[in-house]
N, C-alpha and C. Protein backbone atom coordinates (compact mmCIF):
# COMPACT_ATOMS: atom_id res chain seq x y z
N MET A 1 -7.00 -3.58 18.97
CA MET A 1 -5.75 -4.06 17.56
C MET A 1 -7.06 -4.78 16.05
N ILE A 2 -7.38 -4.90 16.55
CA ILE A 2 -8.57 -6.03 15.62
C ILE A 2 -9.58 -5.07 14.93
N LEU A 3 -9.58 -3.82 16.16
CA LEU A 3 -10.85 -3.24 15.76
C LEU A 3 -10.22 -1.97 14.87
N ILE A 4 -9.32 -1.87 15.49
CA ILE A 4 -8.26 -0.70 14.21
C ILE A 4 -8.35 -1.25 13.48
N PHE A 5 -7.20 -3.12 12.86
CA PHE A 5 -7.23 -3.19 11.29
C PHE A 5 -8.64 -3.71 10.91
N LEU A 6 -9.40 -3.95 11.28
CA LEU A 6 -10.86 -3.64 11.55
C LEU A 6 -11.12 -2.55 10.22
N GLN A 7 -11.68 -1.03 10.41
CA GLN A 7 -11.38 -0.29 10.64
C GLN A 7 -10.47 0.18 9.61
N ALA A 8 -8.73 -0.32 9.49
CA ALA A 8 -8.32 -0.16 8.14
C ALA A 8 -8.86 -0.43 6.70
N PHE A 9 -8.99 -1.73 7.54
CA PHE A 9 -9.85 -2.58 5.86
C PHE A 9 -11.13 -1.63 5.80
N ARG A 10 -12.12 -1.49 6.02
CA ARG A 10 -13.04 -0.65 6.01
C ARG A 10 -12.54 0.91 5.41
N LYS A 11 -11.82 1.50 5.48
CA LYS A 11 -11.00 2.33 4.73
C LYS A 11 -10.14 2.04 3.46
N TYR A 12 -9.68 1.40 3.49
CA TYR A 12 -9.09 0.75 2.02
C TYR A 12 -10.61 -0.09 1.51
N ASN A 13 -11.38 -0.32 1.63
CA ASN A 13 -12.92 -1.11 0.69
C ASN A 13 -13.53 0.21 0.32
N GLU A 14 -13.43 0.82 1.11
CA GLU A 14 -13.94 2.30 0.78
C GLU A 14 -13.08 3.70 -0.35
N GLY A 15 -12.36 2.69 -0.42
CA GLY A 15 -11.35 3.62 -1.46
C GLY A 15 -11.12 5.25 -0.97
N SER A 16 -10.54 4.52 0.66
CA SER A 16 -10.22 5.59 1.09
C SER A 16 -8.85 5.99 1.98
N VAL A 17 -8.08 5.70 0.88
CA VAL A 17 -6.83 5.06 1.18
C VAL A 17 -5.03 6.56 2.11
N VAL A 18 -5.80 7.54 1.30
CA VAL A 18 -5.15 8.13 1.99
C VAL A 18 -5.50 8.47 3.31
N GLU A 19 -6.92 8.43 3.93
CA GLU A 19 -7.04 8.28 5.59
C GLU A 19 -6.58 7.79 6.47
N LEU A 20 -5.97 6.51 5.61
CA LEU A 20 -4.93 5.27 6.65
C LEU A 20 -3.63 6.33 6.70
N LEU A 21 -2.96 7.38 6.13
CA LEU A 21 -2.00 8.22 6.43
C LEU A 21 -2.15 8.69 7.30
N ASP A 22 -0.61 9.63 8.05
CA ASP A 22 -0.38 9.95 8.92
C ASP A 22 -0.45 11.26 8.58
N PRO A 23 -1.21 12.35 8.83
CA PRO A 23 -1.54 13.50 8.07
C PRO A 23 -0.26 14.43 7.23
N LEU A 24 0.63 14.38 8.34
CA LEU A 24 2.02 15.32 7.17
C LEU A 24 1.92 14.13 6.49
N MET A 25 2.36 12.94 6.12
CA MET A 25 2.50 12.27 4.85
C MET A 25 1.68 12.18 3.81
N GLN A 26 0.36 12.78 4.24
CA GLN A 26 -0.69 12.77 2.96
C GLN A 26 -0.32 13.74 1.78
N GLU A 27 0.48 14.56 2.12
CA GLU A 27 0.65 15.18 0.56
C GLU A 27 1.73 14.40 0.14
N ALA A 28 2.97 13.39 1.06
CA ALA A 28 4.17 13.27 0.21
C ALA A 28 3.93 11.65 -0.97
N VAL A 29 2.92 11.29 0.24
CA VAL A 29 3.00 10.11 -0.62
C VAL A 29 1.50 9.68 -1.90
N LYS A 30 2.36 9.30 -2.86
CA LYS A 30 1.21 8.94 -4.14
C LYS A 30 0.40 8.19 -3.58
N THR A 31 -0.98 8.73 -3.89
CA THR A 31 -1.77 7.58 -3.36
C THR A 31 -2.04 6.31 -4.35
N ASP A 32 -1.65 6.22 -5.67
CA ASP A 32 -1.63 4.59 -6.00
C ASP A 32 -0.09 4.16 -5.25
N VAL A 33 0.59 4.56 -4.76
CA VAL A 33 1.64 3.93 -4.14
C VAL A 33 1.04 3.24 -2.88
N ALA A 34 0.06 3.76 -2.08
CA ALA A 34 -0.26 3.51 -0.52
C ALA A 34 -1.20 2.75 -0.94
N VAL A 35 -1.83 2.89 -2.14
CA VAL A 35 -2.99 1.55 -2.41
C VAL A 35 -2.31 0.41 -2.65
N LYS A 36 -1.46 -0.30 -3.06
CA LYS A 36 -0.50 -1.06 -3.21
C LYS A 36 0.36 -1.58 -1.94
N MET A 37 0.72 -0.61 -1.83
CA MET A 37 0.85 -1.01 -0.14
C MET A 37 0.16 -1.88 0.90
N PHE A 38 -0.92 -0.04 1.35
CA PHE A 38 -2.32 -1.27 1.45
C PHE A 38 -2.59 -2.93 1.43
N ASP A 39 -2.94 -2.48 -0.26
CA ASP A 39 -3.74 -4.07 -0.61
C ASP A 39 -2.01 -5.49 -0.25
N LEU A 40 -0.81 -5.18 -0.37
CA LEU A 40 0.16 -6.23 -0.19
C LEU A 40 0.39 -6.42 1.75
N ALA A 41 -0.02 -5.22 2.19
CA ALA A 41 -0.23 -5.63 3.69
C ALA A 41 -1.29 -5.87 4.58
N PHE A 42 -2.31 -6.34 3.87
CA PHE A 42 -4.19 -7.15 3.68
C PHE A 42 -3.73 -8.77 3.01
N ASN A 43 -3.18 -8.28 2.57
CA ASN A 43 -3.07 -9.83 1.84
C ASN A 43 -1.71 -10.85 2.43
N CYS A 44 -1.25 -10.01 3.42
CA CYS A 44 -0.19 -10.54 4.56
C CYS A 44 -0.86 -10.75 5.92
N ALA A 45 -1.89 -9.98 5.99
CA ALA A 45 -2.81 -10.10 7.52
C ALA A 45 -3.99 -10.93 7.00
N ALA A 46 -4.13 -12.04 5.73
CA ALA A 46 -5.20 -12.88 5.54
C ALA A 46 -5.34 -13.72 6.70
N PRO A 47 -6.71 -14.02 7.52
CA PRO A 47 -7.21 -15.02 8.40
C PRO A 47 -6.46 -16.00 8.10
N VAL A 48 -6.22 -16.91 7.03
CA VAL A 48 -6.08 -18.23 6.59
C VAL A 48 -4.36 -18.18 5.94
N ARG A 49 -3.43 -18.93 7.13
CA ARG A 49 -2.38 -18.88 6.30
C ARG A 49 -1.97 -18.83 4.60
N SER A 50 -2.91 -20.00 4.42
CA SER A 50 -2.58 -20.25 2.79
C SER A 50 -2.92 -18.83 1.63
N ASP A 51 -3.92 -18.17 2.27
CA ASP A 51 -3.77 -17.09 1.94
C ASP A 51 -2.87 -16.16 2.08
N ARG A 52 -1.98 -15.92 1.88
CA ARG A 52 -1.38 -15.44 3.34
C ARG A 52 0.14 -15.43 1.85
N PRO A 53 0.72 -14.38 1.27
CA PRO A 53 1.84 -14.37 -0.07
C PRO A 53 3.50 -15.12 1.08
N ASP A 54 4.09 -15.32 0.37
CA ASP A 54 5.19 -15.89 0.95
C ASP A 54 6.31 -14.46 0.55
N MET A 55 7.26 -14.97 1.60
CA MET A 55 8.15 -13.62 2.15
C MET A 55 8.76 -13.84 0.92
N LYS A 56 9.16 -14.15 -0.48
CA LYS A 56 9.72 -14.20 -1.96
C LYS A 56 8.39 -13.56 -2.55
N THR A 57 7.23 -13.69 -2.14
CA THR A 57 6.59 -12.83 -3.16
C THR A 57 6.11 -11.57 -2.41
N VAL A 58 6.49 -11.60 -1.60
CA VAL A 58 6.34 -10.20 -0.40
C VAL A 58 7.18 -8.74 -1.01
N GLY A 59 8.44 -9.39 -1.19
CA GLY A 59 9.77 -9.13 -1.15
C GLY A 59 9.47 -8.40 -2.94
N GLU A 60 9.34 -9.56 -3.67
CA GLU A 60 9.38 -9.04 -5.01
C GLU A 60 7.82 -7.95 -5.35
N GLN A 61 6.75 -8.08 -4.48
CA GLN A 61 6.42 -7.17 -5.02
C GLN A 61 6.34 -6.20 -3.92
N LEU A 62 7.36 -5.99 -3.23
CA LEU A 62 7.94 -5.05 -2.55
C LEU A 62 8.24 -4.10 -3.32
N TRP A 63 9.90 -4.58 -4.09
CA TRP A 63 10.33 -4.10 -5.66
C TRP A 63 9.87 -3.62 -6.36
N ALA A 64 8.65 -4.33 -6.97
CA ALA A 64 7.76 -3.58 -7.85
C ALA A 64 7.30 -2.29 -7.52
N ILE A 65 6.66 -2.63 -6.94
CA ILE A 65 5.98 -1.69 -5.64
C ILE A 65 7.05 0.12 -5.58
N ARG A 66 7.95 -0.31 -5.68
CA ARG A 66 9.47 0.83 -5.34
C ARG A 66 9.60 0.81 -6.90
N ALA A 67 9.69 -0.11 -7.51
CA ALA A 67 10.31 0.40 -9.16
C ALA A 67 9.24 1.63 -9.52
N ASP A 68 7.59 0.93 -9.80
CA ASP A 68 6.65 2.28 -9.81
C ASP A 68 6.43 2.98 -9.81
N TYR A 69 6.98 2.92 -8.46
CA TYR A 69 7.47 4.68 -7.97
C TYR A 69 8.24 5.14 -8.49
N LEU A 70 9.49 4.74 -8.33
CA LEU A 70 10.27 5.79 -9.09
C LEU A 70 10.56 5.74 -10.38
N LYS A 71 9.38 4.90 -11.31
CA LYS A 71 9.19 5.03 -12.93
C LYS A 71 8.43 6.78 -12.72
N SER A 72 7.61 6.69 -12.13
CA SER A 72 6.57 7.40 -11.72
C SER A 72 7.16 8.55 -10.90
N SER A 73 7.74 8.72 -10.56
CA SER A 73 8.01 9.89 -9.45
C SER A 73 9.47 10.77 -10.91
N SER A 74 10.40 10.43 -11.54
CA SER A 74 10.89 10.51 -12.86
C SER A 74 10.71 11.12 -13.61
N THR A 75 9.10 10.19 -13.90
CA THR A 75 8.78 11.12 -14.97
C THR A 75 8.09 12.07 -14.76
N THR A 76 7.18 12.38 -13.72
CA THR A 76 6.84 13.88 -12.63
C THR A 76 8.41 14.54 -13.12
N ALA A 77 9.38 14.29 -12.51
CA ALA A 77 10.40 15.03 -12.39
C ALA A 77 10.65 15.80 -13.79
N ARG A 78 10.35 14.95 -14.69
CA ARG A 78 11.26 15.60 -16.45
C ARG A 78 9.62 15.98 -16.97
N ARG A 79 8.45 16.46 -15.84
CA ARG A 79 7.41 17.35 -17.19
C ARG A 79 7.73 18.36 -16.26
N GLU A 80 8.15 18.55 -14.72
CA GLU A 80 8.36 19.45 -14.07
C GLU A 80 9.52 20.31 -14.70
């Protein structure tokens, strides 16, 4: 489990977030959304408890990511 986490963290730091996604989802997920989700996930998995966000902050960040995604999706849909 730790090895998988370290490999994922390495890919994230290299900027290869798309490689962490299921291949069937890679085209459906926007890279910027995936980066934000992995950023939050790695913050939640910080080794020191005081470095992890509290649940209120996590909820707020998830709602913000969702709002950004919906905003960008509606903008993209209008352009097409």
